[in-house]
Amino acid sequence: MAYTKITVSDELLHTSLPDDPYLHSLLYAYFPTALREEFAEQIEHHPLRREITTTVLVNDTVNTGGTTYLHRLREETGASLEEIVRAQTAARAIFRSAPVWDAVEALDNQVEAEVQTRIRLHSRRLVERGTRWLLNNRPQPLQLAETVEFFAERVEQVWAQLTKLLRGADLEWWQMIYDELTGAGVPDELATRVAGFSSAFPALDIVSVADRMGKDPLDVAEVYYDLADRLRITQLMDRIIELPRADRWQSMARASIREDLYAAHAALTADVLAVGNGTSTPEQRFTAWEQRNQAILGRARTTLEEIQGSDSFDLANLSVAMRTMRTLLRTHS
């Protein structure tokens, strides 16, 4: 871990990232409160301000992502180190992971260590997915303040209503995680937050669709999660997640097909939203959309059901499933 941090810090010091105004708070956080209050101006002009900012940033990045995280994402995405750290910093802020880690730390000697580790890994997975999404869907290099401002509150708006928005398998998964955590002694507020990790990630797509179509994020979220249940997208995603990751190429293929499914889901959500009017319910919109695409939707469902009924899942049949999903996008009028 030490060598990873040294290497990453050295590379980031040669970029513009340590000078980003969004990171100024890291510089001040490095100093004790008494020094921050009395010597704010001196801290602002400290001769080692770039090195201090970089040290704090790299500590946060590696401690939450793991020692191989940055190397792995460079290989799998082709992004530069600066781009990855920018995206991960934004993802941590958007999904408000720091309060979760603080809450987990406060549970020392109150719950089993295995439970704390599990929550941290769930949080790490959410941030990594968010990092990949930001790398693939937002202009690079990422503008930190602008990106966090655009997404954070809207994502939180969706997250706060998850239990009302989720349907079918997604809601069952939320309830299962919540019950397991509260049963292990995790406080209700933290358990509620963690149970929503998997379902909160698509809020990035939901917010983007809402912005593009000029709609409220909650209206988009209703259609998004309704579609996940009706088209059994959640079950298909589960099959993709189960694919092996024995080497770099398998990991990249798995990530690619997963991201394709998220993108198709978001595009289908926009299609369904375009049907009906401002007072239409998700059910009414889907019914109208279904009637418009009845023939191709029937064939798509048959194919997807056959794949779901397979004894095993691999890139071959899951690639066919993705092609079927994309067919739905090409046929709307």
C-alpha atoms as a PDB file:
ATOM      1  CA  MET A   1       0.000   0.000   0.000  1.00  0.00           C
ATOM      2  CA  ALA A   2       2.827   2.391   0.846  1.00  0.00           C
ATOM      3  CA  TYR A   3       4.563   1.891  -2.510  1.00  0.00           C
ATOM      4  CA  THR A   4       1.250   2.316  -4.342  1.00  0.00           C
ATOM      5  CA  LYS A   5       0.640   5.638  -2.616  1.00  0.00           C
ATOM      6  CA  ILE A   6       4.183   6.861  -3.271  1.00  0.00           C
ATOM      7  CA  THR A   7       3.989   5.988  -6.978  1.00  0.00           C
ATOM      8  CA  VAL A   8       0.524   7.494  -7.456  1.00  0.00           C
ATOM      9  CA  SER A   9       1.428  10.679  -5.573  1.00  0.00           C
ATOM     10  CA  ASP A  10       4.518  11.200  -7.669  1.00  0.00           C
ATOM     11  CA  GLU A  11       2.535  10.916 -10.889  1.00  0.00           C
ATOM     12  CA  LEU A  12      -0.345  13.136  -9.750  1.00  0.00           C
ATOM     13  CA  LEU A  13       2.014  15.924  -8.685  1.00  0.00           C
ATOM     14  CA  HIS A  14       2.857  16.382 -12.361  1.00  0.00           C
ATOM     15  CA  THR A  15      -0.796  17.013 -13.260  1.00  0.00           C
ATOM     16  CA  SER A  16      -3.195  19.892 -12.617  1.00  0.00           C
ATOM     17  CA  LEU A  17      -5.294  17.863 -10.162  1.00  0.00           C
ATOM     18  CA  PRO A  18      -3.655  19.158  -6.921  1.00  0.00           C
ATOM     19  CA  ASP A  19      -4.593  22.700  -8.024  1.00  0.00           C
ATOM     20  CA  ASP A  20      -8.291  21.939  -8.507  1.00  0.00           C
ATOM     21  CA  PRO A  21     -10.293  24.363  -6.283  1.00  0.00           C
ATOM     22  CA  TYR A  22     -12.637  21.542  -5.277  1.00  0.00           C
ATOM     23  CA  LEU A  23      -9.765  19.900  -3.379  1.00  0.00           C
ATOM     24  CA  HIS A  24      -8.849  22.948  -1.297  1.00  0.00           C
ATOM     25  CA  SER A  25     -10.759  21.491   1.641  1.00  0.00           C
ATOM     26  CA  LEU A  26      -8.271  18.594   1.744  1.00  0.00           C
ATOM     27  CA  LEU A  27      -5.436  21.049   2.345  1.00  0.00           C
ATOM     28  CA  TYR A  28      -7.198  22.628   5.318  1.00  0.00           C
ATOM     29  CA  ALA A  29      -8.345  19.278   6.703  1.00  0.00           C
ATOM     30  CA  TYR A  30      -4.697  18.214   6.974  1.00  0.00           C
ATOM     31  CA  PHE A  31      -4.005  20.811   9.700  1.00  0.00           C
ATOM     32  CA  PRO A  32      -5.328  20.826  13.286  1.00  0.00           C
ATOM     33  CA  THR A  33      -8.401  22.985  13.959  1.00  0.00           C
ATOM     34  CA  ALA A  34      -6.450  25.598  15.928  1.00  0.00           C
ATOM     35  CA  LEU A  35      -4.062  26.167  13.012  1.00  0.00           C
ATOM     36  CA  ARG A  36      -6.917  26.312  10.495  1.00  0.00           C
ATOM     37  CA  GLU A  37      -8.661  28.999  12.513  1.00  0.00           C
ATOM     38  CA  GLU A  38      -5.628  31.186  13.193  1.00  0.00           C
ATOM     39  CA  PHE A  39      -3.507  30.707  10.074  1.00  0.00           C
ATOM     40  CA  ALA A  40      -5.992  30.211   7.220  1.00  0.00           C
ATOM     41  CA  GLU A  41      -4.159  32.596   4.895  1.00  0.00           C
ATOM     42  CA  GLN A  42      -0.783  30.997   5.560  1.00  0.00           C
ATOM     43  CA  ILE A  43      -2.230  27.556   4.851  1.00  0.00           C
ATOM     44  CA  GLU A  44      -3.632  28.830   1.561  1.00  0.00           C
ATOM     45  CA  HIS A  45      -0.111  29.810   0.466  1.00  0.00           C
ATOM     46  CA  HIS A  46       1.815  26.992   2.124  1.00  0.00           C
ATOM     47  CA  PRO A  47       4.838  26.092  -0.040  1.00  0.00           C
ATOM     48  CA  LEU A  48       3.915  22.395   0.183  1.00  0.00           C
ATOM     49  CA  ARG A  49       0.191  22.870  -0.471  1.00  0.00           C
ATOM     50  CA  ARG A  50       0.247  20.758  -3.649  1.00  0.00           C
ATOM     51  CA  GLU A  51       2.119  17.926  -1.933  1.00  0.00           C
ATOM     52  CA  ILE A  52      -0.193  18.003   1.107  1.00  0.00           C
ATOM     53  CA  THR A  53      -3.333  18.026  -1.037  1.00  0.00           C
ATOM     54  CA  THR A  54      -2.000  15.143  -3.105  1.00  0.00           C
ATOM     55  CA  THR A  55      -1.053  13.118  -0.029  1.00  0.00           C
ATOM     56  CA  VAL A  56      -4.533  13.431   1.502  1.00  0.00           C
ATOM     57  CA  LEU A  57      -6.235  12.724  -1.828  1.00  0.00           C
ATOM     58  CA  VAL A  58      -4.149   9.641  -2.554  1.00  0.00           C
ATOM     59  CA  ASN A  59      -4.662   8.309   0.979  1.00  0.00           C
ATOM     60  CA  ASP A  60      -8.440   8.609   0.557  1.00  0.00           C
ATOM     61  CA  THR A  61      -8.359   7.073  -2.916  1.00  0.00           C
ATOM     62  CA  VAL A  62      -6.201   4.046  -2.116  1.00  0.00           C
ATOM     63  CA  ASN A  63      -7.670   3.426   1.337  1.00  0.00           C
ATOM     64  CA  THR A  64     -11.202   3.210  -0.084  1.00  0.00           C
ATOM     65  CA  GLY A  65     -10.377   1.624  -3.446  1.00  0.00           C
ATOM     66  CA  GLY A  66      -7.635  -0.820  -2.500  1.00  0.00           C
ATOM     67  CA  THR A  67      -4.010  -1.208  -3.558  1.00  0.00           C
ATOM     68  CA  THR A  68      -4.718  -2.643  -7.036  1.00  0.00           C
ATOM     69  CA  TYR A  69      -7.709  -0.430  -7.821  1.00  0.00           C
ATOM     70  CA  LEU A  70      -5.991   2.301  -9.853  1.00  0.00           C
ATOM     71  CA  HIS A  71      -3.762  -0.101 -11.775  1.00  0.00           C
ATOM     72  CA  ARG A  72      -6.731  -2.313 -12.636  1.00  0.00           C
ATOM     73  CA  LEU A  73      -8.895   0.567 -13.856  1.00  0.00           C
ATOM     74  CA  ARG A  74      -6.062   1.924 -15.990  1.00  0.00           C
ATOM     75  CA  GLU A  75      -5.771  -1.433 -17.705  1.00  0.00           C
ATOM     76  CA  GLU A  76      -9.492  -1.962 -18.117  1.00  0.00           C
ATOM     77  CA  THR A  77     -10.567   1.545 -19.164  1.00  0.00           C
ATOM     78  CA  GLY A  78      -7.471   3.019 -20.817  1.00  0.00           C
ATOM     79  CA  ALA A  79      -8.013   6.201 -18.782  1.00  0.00           C
ATOM     80  CA  SER A  80      -5.135   8.156 -17.306  1.00  0.00           C
ATOM     81  CA  LEU A  81      -4.370   8.080 -13.596  1.00  0.00           C
ATOM     82  CA  GLU A  82      -5.576  11.660 -13.199  1.00  0.00           C
ATOM     83  CA  GLU A  83      -8.877  10.883 -14.932  1.00  0.00           C
ATOM     84  CA  ILE A  84      -9.482   7.862 -12.709  1.00  0.00           C
ATOM     85  CA  VAL A  85      -8.699   9.707  -9.476  1.00  0.00           C
ATOM     86  CA  ARG A  86     -10.943  12.598 -10.547  1.00  0.00           C
ATOM     87  CA  ALA A  87     -13.794  10.200 -11.310  1.00  0.00           C
ATOM     88  CA  GLN A  88     -13.345   8.248  -8.075  1.00  0.00           C
ATOM     89  CA  THR A  89     -13.250  11.455  -6.025  1.00  0.00           C
ATOM     90  CA  ALA A  90     -16.482  12.609  -7.638  1.00  0.00           C
ATOM     91  CA  ALA A  91     -18.128   9.195  -7.182  1.00  0.00           C
ATOM     92  CA  ARG A  92     -17.262   9.146  -3.473  1.00  0.00           C
ATOM     93  CA  ALA A  93     -18.830  12.593  -3.063  1.00  0.00           C
ATOM     94  CA  ILE A  94     -21.922  11.832  -5.158  1.00  0.00           C
ATOM     95  CA  PHE A  95     -22.708   8.634  -3.261  1.00  0.00           C
ATOM     96  CA  ARG A  96     -21.630  10.173   0.073  1.00  0.00           C
ATOM     97  CA  SER A  97     -19.412   7.244   0.965  1.00  0.00           C
ATOM     98  CA  ALA A  98     -17.360   9.062   3.641  1.00  0.00           C
ATOM     99  CA  PRO A  99     -20.229   9.202   6.189  1.00  0.00           C
ATOM    100  CA  VAL A 100     -20.834   5.489   5.611  1.00  0.00           C
ATOM    101  CA  TRP A 101     -17.191   4.620   6.335  1.00  0.00           C
ATOM    102  CA  ASP A 102     -17.280   6.831   9.448  1.00  0.00           C
ATOM    103  CA  ALA A 103     -20.461   5.102  10.637  1.00  0.00           C
ATOM    104  CA  VAL A 104     -18.903   1.676  10.044  1.00  0.00           C
ATOM    105  CA  GLU A 105     -15.785   2.649  11.998  1.00  0.00           C
ATOM    106  CA  ALA A 106     -17.992   3.777  14.882  1.00  0.00           C
ATOM    107  CA  LEU A 107     -19.348   0.219  15.114  1.00  0.00           C
ATOM    108  CA  ASP A 108     -16.014  -1.215  16.282  1.00  0.00           C
ATOM    109  CA  ASN A 109     -16.653  -3.826  19.002  1.00  0.00           C
ATOM    110  CA  GLN A 110     -20.414  -3.403  18.524  1.00  0.00           C
ATOM    111  CA  VAL A 111     -20.908  -5.663  15.494  1.00  0.00           C
ATOM    112  CA  GLU A 112     -18.832  -8.475  14.022  1.00  0.00           C
ATOM    113  CA  ALA A 113     -15.769  -7.368  12.051  1.00  0.00           C
ATOM    114  CA  GLU A 114     -17.025  -9.444   9.115  1.00  0.00           C
ATOM    115  CA  VAL A 115     -20.148  -7.269   8.952  1.00  0.00           C
ATOM    116  CA  GLN A 116     -18.068  -4.085   8.899  1.00  0.00           C
ATOM    117  CA  THR A 117     -15.862  -5.495   6.152  1.00  0.00           C
ATOM    118  CA  ARG A 118     -18.879  -6.498   4.118  1.00  0.00           C
ATOM    119  CA  ILE A 119     -20.316  -2.966   4.280  1.00  0.00           C
ATOM    120  CA  ARG A 120     -16.985  -1.456   3.268  1.00  0.00           C
ATOM    121  CA  LEU A 121     -16.761  -3.816   0.278  1.00  0.00           C
ATOM    122  CA  HIS A 122     -20.323  -2.976  -0.775  1.00  0.00           C
ATOM    123  CA  SER A 123     -19.418   0.720  -0.580  1.00  0.00           C
ATOM    124  CA  ARG A 124     -16.201   0.143  -2.541  1.00  0.00           C
ATOM    125  CA  ARG A 125     -18.137  -1.671  -5.287  1.00  0.00           C
ATOM    126  CA  LEU A 126     -20.648   1.178  -5.590  1.00  0.00           C
ATOM    127  CA  VAL A 127     -17.901   3.788  -5.870  1.00  0.00           C
ATOM    128  CA  GLU A 128     -16.020   1.711  -8.451  1.00  0.00           C
ATOM    129  CA  ARG A 129     -19.130   1.374 -10.591  1.00  0.00           C
ATOM    130  CA  GLY A 130     -19.728   5.091 -10.271  1.00  0.00           C
ATOM    131  CA  THR A 131     -16.132   5.770 -11.272  1.00  0.00           C
ATOM    132  CA  ARG A 132     -16.478   3.661 -14.410  1.00  0.00           C
ATOM    133  CA  TRP A 133     -19.742   5.358 -15.294  1.00  0.00           C
ATOM    134  CA  LEU A 134     -18.265   8.834 -14.939  1.00  0.00           C
ATOM    135  CA  LEU A 135     -15.240   7.838 -17.027  1.00  0.00           C
ATOM    136  CA  ASN A 136     -17.458   6.479 -19.801  1.00  0.00           C
ATOM    137  CA  ASN A 137     -20.284   9.008 -19.798  1.00  0.00           C
ATOM    138  CA  ARG A 138     -18.908  12.427 -18.850  1.00  0.00           C
ATOM    139  CA  PRO A 139     -16.398  14.712 -20.630  1.00  0.00           C
ATOM    140  CA  GLN A 140     -12.806  14.178 -19.517  1.00  0.00           C
ATOM    141  CA  PRO A 141     -10.958  15.434 -17.596  1.00  0.00           C
ATOM    142  CA  LEU A 142     -13.843  15.594 -15.139  1.00  0.00           C
ATOM    143  CA  GLN A 143     -14.652  18.963 -13.588  1.00  0.00           C
ATOM    144  CA  LEU A 144     -15.038  17.962  -9.950  1.00  0.00           C
ATOM    145  CA  ALA A 145     -17.161  20.773  -8.500  1.00  0.00           C
ATOM    146  CA  GLU A 146     -19.446  20.906 -11.522  1.00  0.00           C
ATOM    147  CA  THR A 147     -19.937  17.125 -11.616  1.00  0.00           C
ATOM    148  CA  VAL A 148     -20.650  16.741  -7.905  1.00  0.00           C
ATOM    149  CA  GLU A 149     -23.034  19.693  -7.958  1.00  0.00           C
ATOM    150  CA  PHE A 150     -24.917  18.265 -10.939  1.00  0.00           C
ATOM    151  CA  PHE A 151     -25.385  14.754  -9.568  1.00  0.00           C
ATOM    152  CA  ALA A 152     -25.177  14.677  -5.765  1.00  0.00           C
ATOM    153  CA  GLU A 153     -28.509  16.174  -4.716  1.00  0.00           C
ATOM    154  CA  ARG A 154     -30.465  14.525  -7.528  1.00  0.00           C
ATOM    155  CA  VAL A 155     -28.960  11.116  -6.792  1.00  0.00           C
ATOM    156  CA  GLU A 156     -29.796  11.590  -3.118  1.00  0.00           C
ATOM    157  CA  GLN A 157     -33.355  12.522  -4.074  1.00  0.00           C
ATOM    158  CA  VAL A 158     -33.778   9.167  -5.819  1.00  0.00           C
ATOM    159  CA  TRP A 159     -31.953   7.235  -3.094  1.00  0.00           C
ATOM    160  CA  ALA A 160     -34.256   8.617  -0.389  1.00  0.00           C
ATOM    161  CA  GLN A 161     -37.289   7.133  -2.171  1.00  0.00           C
ATOM    162  CA  LEU A 162     -35.858   3.731  -3.111  1.00  0.00           C
ATOM    163  CA  THR A 163     -38.204   1.669  -0.959  1.00  0.00           C
ATOM    164  CA  LYS A 164     -41.160   3.287  -2.741  1.00  0.00           C
ATOM    165  CA  LEU A 165     -39.603   2.986  -6.197  1.00  0.00           C
ATOM    166  CA  LEU A 166     -38.222  -0.570  -6.223  1.00  0.00           C
ATOM    167  CA  ARG A 167     -40.236  -3.469  -7.566  1.00  0.00           C
ATOM    168  CA  GLY A 168     -39.979  -7.262  -7.577  1.00  0.00           C
ATOM    169  CA  ALA A 169     -36.472  -8.716  -7.287  1.00  0.00           C
ATOM    170  CA  ASP A 170     -34.875  -5.323  -6.568  1.00  0.00           C
ATOM    171  CA  LEU A 171     -37.144  -4.728  -3.590  1.00  0.00           C
ATOM    172  CA  GLU A 172     -36.614  -8.287  -2.352  1.00  0.00           C
ATOM    173  CA  TRP A 173     -32.834  -7.791  -2.525  1.00  0.00           C
ATOM    174  CA  TRP A 174     -33.102  -4.484  -0.614  1.00  0.00           C
ATOM    175  CA  GLN A 175     -35.190  -6.129   2.087  1.00  0.00           C
ATOM    176  CA  MET A 176     -32.851  -9.110   2.384  1.00  0.00           C
ATOM    177  CA  ILE A 177     -29.751  -6.932   2.882  1.00  0.00           C
ATOM    178  CA  TYR A 178     -31.591  -4.678   5.314  1.00  0.00           C
ATOM    179  CA  ASP A 179     -32.826  -7.626   7.390  1.00  0.00           C
ATOM    180  CA  GLU A 180     -29.359  -9.216   7.469  1.00  0.00           C
ATOM    181  CA  LEU A 181     -27.662  -6.006   8.598  1.00  0.00           C
ATOM    182  CA  THR A 182     -30.191  -5.034  11.241  1.00  0.00           C
ATOM    183  CA  GLY A 183     -30.165  -8.625  12.471  1.00  0.00           C
ATOM    184  CA  ALA A 184     -26.396  -8.312  12.893  1.00  0.00           C
ATOM    185  CA  GLY A 185     -26.789  -5.202  15.034  1.00  0.00           C
ATOM    186  CA  VAL A 186     -26.260  -2.498  12.394  1.00  0.00           C
ATOM    187  CA  PRO A 187     -28.304   0.643  13.196  1.00  0.00           C
ATOM    188  CA  ASP A 188     -31.422   1.191  11.111  1.00  0.00           C
ATOM    189  CA  GLU A 189     -30.178   4.341   9.347  1.00  0.00           C
ATOM    190  CA  LEU A 190     -26.927   2.739   8.193  1.00  0.00           C
ATOM    191  CA  ALA A 191     -28.647  -0.532   7.233  1.00  0.00           C
ATOM    192  CA  THR A 192     -31.167   1.409   5.140  1.00  0.00           C
ATOM    193  CA  ARG A 193     -28.355   3.208   3.368  1.00  0.00           C
ATOM    194  CA  VAL A 194     -26.287   0.109   2.644  1.00  0.00           C
ATOM    195  CA  ALA A 195     -29.274  -1.931   1.484  1.00  0.00           C
ATOM    196  CA  GLY A 196     -29.756   0.619  -1.286  1.00  0.00           C
ATOM    197  CA  PHE A 197     -26.204   0.484  -2.680  1.00  0.00           C
ATOM    198  CA  SER A 198     -26.992  -1.778  -5.653  1.00  0.00           C
ATOM    199  CA  SER A 199     -30.177   0.031  -6.622  1.00  0.00           C
ATOM    200  CA  ALA A 200     -28.737   3.526  -6.102  1.00  0.00           C
ATOM    201  CA  PHE A 201     -26.028   3.164  -8.739  1.00  0.00           C
ATOM    202  CA  PRO A 202     -28.479   3.553 -11.698  1.00  0.00           C
ATOM    203  CA  ALA A 203     -29.425   6.954 -10.279  1.00  0.00           C
ATOM    204  CA  LEU A 204     -26.547   8.328 -12.385  1.00  0.00           C
ATOM    205  CA  ASP A 205     -28.354   7.189 -15.535  1.00  0.00           C
ATOM    206  CA  ILE A 206     -31.686   8.327 -14.125  1.00  0.00           C
ATOM    207  CA  VAL A 207     -30.395  11.841 -13.456  1.00  0.00           C
ATOM    208  CA  SER A 208     -28.846  12.018 -16.930  1.00  0.00           C
ATOM    209  CA  VAL A 209     -32.099  10.948 -18.619  1.00  0.00           C
ATOM    210  CA  ALA A 210     -34.058  13.417 -16.488  1.00  0.00           C
ATOM    211  CA  ASP A 211     -31.735  16.256 -17.467  1.00  0.00           C
ATOM    212  CA  ARG A 212     -31.816  15.337 -21.154  1.00  0.00           C
ATOM    213  CA  MET A 213     -35.620  15.100 -21.251  1.00  0.00           C
ATOM    214  CA  GLY A 214     -36.361  17.976 -18.887  1.00  0.00           C
ATOM    215  CA  LYS A 215     -38.139  15.729 -16.363  1.00  0.00           C
ATOM    216  CA  ASP A 216     -38.061  15.277 -12.613  1.00  0.00           C
ATOM    217  CA  PRO A 217     -35.593  12.537 -11.547  1.00  0.00           C
ATOM    218  CA  LEU A 218     -38.276  10.787  -9.494  1.00  0.00           C
ATOM    219  CA  ASP A 219     -40.577  10.546 -12.522  1.00  0.00           C
ATOM    220  CA  VAL A 220     -37.737   8.958 -14.487  1.00  0.00           C
ATOM    221  CA  ALA A 221     -36.883   6.670 -11.569  1.00  0.00           C
ATOM    222  CA  GLU A 222     -40.445   5.346 -11.394  1.00  0.00           C
ATOM    223  CA  VAL A 223     -40.280   4.229 -15.017  1.00  0.00           C
ATOM    224  CA  TYR A 224     -36.702   2.945 -14.701  1.00  0.00           C
ATOM    225  CA  TYR A 225     -37.352   0.606 -11.777  1.00  0.00           C
ATOM    226  CA  ASP A 226     -40.743  -0.417 -13.186  1.00  0.00           C
ATOM    227  CA  LEU A 227     -39.003  -1.520 -16.401  1.00  0.00           C
ATOM    228  CA  ALA A 228     -36.375  -3.430 -14.433  1.00  0.00           C
ATOM    229  CA  ASP A 229     -39.155  -5.574 -13.018  1.00  0.00           C
ATOM    230  CA  ARG A 230     -41.355  -5.923 -16.112  1.00  0.00           C
ATOM    231  CA  LEU A 231     -38.532  -6.854 -18.491  1.00  0.00           C
ATOM    232  CA  ARG A 232     -36.629  -8.880 -15.852  1.00  0.00           C
ATOM    233  CA  ILE A 233     -33.574  -6.721 -16.403  1.00  0.00           C
ATOM    234  CA  THR A 234     -32.482  -7.254 -12.810  1.00  0.00           C
ATOM    235  CA  GLN A 235     -32.337 -11.025 -13.284  1.00  0.00           C
ATOM    236  CA  LEU A 236     -30.311 -10.576 -16.461  1.00  0.00           C
ATOM    237  CA  MET A 237     -27.894  -8.304 -14.611  1.00  0.00           C
ATOM    238  CA  ASP A 238     -27.486 -10.967 -11.920  1.00  0.00           C
ATOM    239  CA  ARG A 239     -26.425 -13.470 -14.597  1.00  0.00           C
ATOM    240  CA  ILE A 240     -23.860 -11.019 -15.973  1.00  0.00           C
ATOM    241  CA  ILE A 241     -22.414 -10.381 -12.516  1.00  0.00           C
ATOM    242  CA  GLU A 242     -21.935 -14.135 -12.093  1.00  0.00           C
ATOM    243  CA  LEU A 243     -19.639 -14.343 -15.145  1.00  0.00           C
ATOM    244  CA  PRO A 244     -16.052 -15.407 -14.313  1.00  0.00           C
ATOM    245  CA  ARG A 245     -13.242 -12.881 -13.955  1.00  0.00           C
ATOM    246  CA  ALA A 246     -10.244 -15.204 -14.088  1.00  0.00           C
ATOM    247  CA  ASP A 247      -8.125 -12.795 -16.115  1.00  0.00           C
ATOM    248  CA  ARG A 248      -8.025  -9.233 -17.405  1.00  0.00           C
ATOM    249  CA  TRP A 249      -9.951  -9.981 -20.600  1.00  0.00           C
ATOM    250  CA  GLN A 250     -12.766 -11.789 -18.839  1.00  0.00           C
ATOM    251  CA  SER A 251     -13.059  -8.870 -16.434  1.00  0.00           C
ATOM    252  CA  MET A 252     -13.181  -6.375 -19.284  1.00  0.00           C
ATOM    253  CA  ALA A 253     -15.759  -8.428 -21.202  1.00  0.00           C
ATOM    254  CA  ARG A 254     -17.920  -8.747 -18.108  1.00  0.00           C
ATOM    255  CA  ALA A 255     -17.696  -5.023 -17.387  1.00  0.00           C
ATOM    256  CA  SER A 256     -18.475  -4.176 -21.005  1.00  0.00           C
ATOM    257  CA  ILE A 257     -21.627  -6.269 -21.238  1.00  0.00           C
ATOM    258  CA  ARG A 258     -22.801  -5.004 -17.839  1.00  0.00           C
ATOM    259  CA  GLU A 259     -22.331  -1.386 -18.915  1.00  0.00           C
ATOM    260  CA  ASP A 260     -24.139  -2.120 -22.196  1.00  0.00           C
ATOM    261  CA  LEU A 261     -27.129  -3.408 -20.252  1.00  0.00           C
ATOM    262  CA  TYR A 262     -27.218  -0.325 -18.032  1.00  0.00           C
ATOM    263  CA  ALA A 263     -27.053   1.883 -21.133  1.00  0.00           C
ATOM    264  CA  ALA A 264     -29.844  -0.075 -22.840  1.00  0.00           C
ATOM    265  CA  HIS A 265     -31.973   0.139 -19.709  1.00  0.00           C
ATOM    266  CA  ALA A 266     -31.536   3.918 -19.585  1.00  0.00           C
ATOM    267  CA  ALA A 267     -32.375   4.265 -23.280  1.00  0.00           C
ATOM    268  CA  LEU A 268     -35.487   2.106 -22.899  1.00  0.00           C
ATOM    269  CA  THR A 269     -36.533   4.274 -19.960  1.00  0.00           C
ATOM    270  CA  ALA A 270     -36.304   7.356 -22.171  1.00  0.00           C
ATOM    271  CA  ASP A 271     -38.383   5.600 -24.851  1.00  0.00           C
ATOM    272  CA  VAL A 272     -41.132   4.691 -22.400  1.00  0.00           C
ATOM    273  CA  LEU A 273     -41.096   8.188 -20.897  1.00  0.00           C
ATOM    274  CA  ALA A 274     -41.691   9.632 -24.352  1.00  0.00           C
ATOM    275  CA  VAL A 275     -45.055   7.831 -24.443  1.00  0.00           C
ATOM    276  CA  GLY A 276     -48.090   9.278 -22.659  1.00  0.00           C
ATOM    277  CA  ASN A 277     -48.364  12.657 -20.981  1.00  0.00           C
ATOM    278  CA  GLY A 278     -47.401  14.366 -17.767  1.00  0.00           C
ATOM    279  CA  THR A 279     -50.117  12.613 -15.755  1.00  0.00           C
ATOM    280  CA  SER A 280     -49.454   9.097 -17.060  1.00  0.00           C
ATOM    281  CA  THR A 281     -48.389   6.475 -14.524  1.00  0.00           C
ATOM    282  CA  PRO A 282     -45.444   4.143 -15.248  1.00  0.00           C
ATOM    283  CA  GLU A 283     -47.977   1.372 -15.863  1.00  0.00           C
ATOM    284  CA  GLN A 284     -49.898   3.474 -18.393  1.00  0.00           C
ATOM    285  CA  ARG A 285     -46.723   4.504 -20.174  1.00  0.00           C
ATOM    286  CA  PHE A 286     -45.499   0.917 -20.390  1.00  0.00           C
ATOM    287  CA  THR A 287     -48.847  -0.314 -21.695  1.00  0.00           C
ATOM    288  CA  ALA A 288     -48.815   2.297 -24.454  1.00  0.00           C
ATOM    289  CA  TRP A 289     -45.188   1.539 -25.298  1.00  0.00           C
ATOM    290  CA  GLU A 290     -45.899  -2.202 -25.259  1.00  0.00           C
ATOM    291  CA  GLN A 291     -48.768  -1.799 -27.713  1.00  0.00           C
ATOM    292  CA  ARG A 292     -46.578   0.246 -30.019  1.00  0.00           C
ATOM    293  CA  ASN A 293     -43.866  -2.431 -30.043  1.00  0.00           C
ATOM    294  CA  GLN A 294     -46.000  -5.517 -29.436  1.00  0.00           C
ATOM    295  CA  ALA A 295     -44.569  -7.827 -32.101  1.00  0.00           C
ATOM    296  CA  ILE A 296     -40.881  -7.271 -31.418  1.00  0.00           C
ATOM    297  CA  LEU A 297     -41.442  -7.174 -27.650  1.00  0.00           C
ATOM    298  CA  GLY A 298     -43.114 -10.589 -27.775  1.00  0.00           C
ATOM    299  CA  ARG A 299     -40.162 -12.100 -29.619  1.00  0.00           C
ATOM    300  CA  ALA A 300     -37.699 -10.392 -27.301  1.00  0.00           C
ATOM    301  CA  ARG A 301     -39.438 -11.763 -24.227  1.00  0.00           C
ATOM    302  CA  THR A 302     -39.361 -15.274 -25.646  1.00  0.00           C
ATOM    303  CA  THR A 303     -35.624 -15.043 -26.291  1.00  0.00           C
ATOM    304  CA  LEU A 304     -34.878 -13.552 -22.888  1.00  0.00           C
ATOM    305  CA  GLU A 305     -36.968 -16.203 -21.123  1.00  0.00           C
ATOM    306  CA  GLU A 306     -35.077 -18.955 -22.949  1.00  0.00           C
ATOM    307  CA  ILE A 307     -31.785 -17.443 -21.865  1.00  0.00           C
ATOM    308  CA  GLN A 308     -32.994 -17.031 -18.273  1.00  0.00           C
ATOM    309  CA  GLY A 309     -33.939 -20.711 -18.297  1.00  0.00           C
ATOM    310  CA  SER A 310     -30.494 -21.848 -19.408  1.00  0.00           C
ATOM    311  CA  ASP A 311     -28.551 -24.256 -17.231  1.00  0.00           C
ATOM    312  CA  SER A 312     -25.452 -22.086 -17.498  1.00  0.00           C
ATOM    313  CA  PHE A 313     -24.574 -18.552 -18.507  1.00  0.00           C
ATOM    314  CA  ASP A 314     -21.608 -17.369 -20.531  1.00  0.00           C
ATOM    315  CA  LEU A 315     -20.667 -14.532 -22.848  1.00  0.00           C
ATOM    316  CA  ALA A 316     -22.364 -16.299 -25.767  1.00  0.00           C
ATOM    317  CA  ASN A 317     -25.933 -16.417 -24.496  1.00  0.00           C
ATOM    318  CA  LEU A 318     -25.642 -13.173 -22.551  1.00  0.00           C
ATOM    319  CA  SER A 319     -24.386 -11.413 -25.702  1.00  0.00           C
ATOM    320  CA  VAL A 320     -27.527 -12.652 -27.461  1.00  0.00           C
ATOM    321  CA  ALA A 321     -29.565 -11.219 -24.596  1.00  0.00           C
ATOM    322  CA  MET A 322     -27.906  -7.837 -25.065  1.00  0.00           C
ATOM    323  CA  ARG A 323     -28.548  -7.917 -28.811  1.00  0.00           C
ATOM    324  CA  THR A 324     -32.205  -8.607 -28.030  1.00  0.00           C
ATOM    325  CA  MET A 325     -32.331  -5.601 -25.691  1.00  0.00           C
ATOM    326  CA  ARG A 326     -30.794  -3.391 -28.362  1.00  0.00           C
ATOM    327  CA  THR A 327     -33.395  -4.634 -30.866  1.00  0.00           C
ATOM    328  CA  LEU A 328     -36.088  -3.074 -28.685  1.00  0.00           C
ATOM    329  CA  LEU A 329     -34.333   0.269 -28.980  1.00  0.00           C
ATOM    330  CA  ARG A 330     -34.212   0.153 -32.770  1.00  0.00           C
ATOM    331  CA  THR A 331     -37.901  -0.542 -33.259  1.00  0.00           C
ATOM    332  CA  HIS A 332     -39.654   2.266 -31.385  1.00  0.00           C
ATOM    333  CA  SER A 333     -41.292   4.952 -33.522  1.00  0.00           C
END
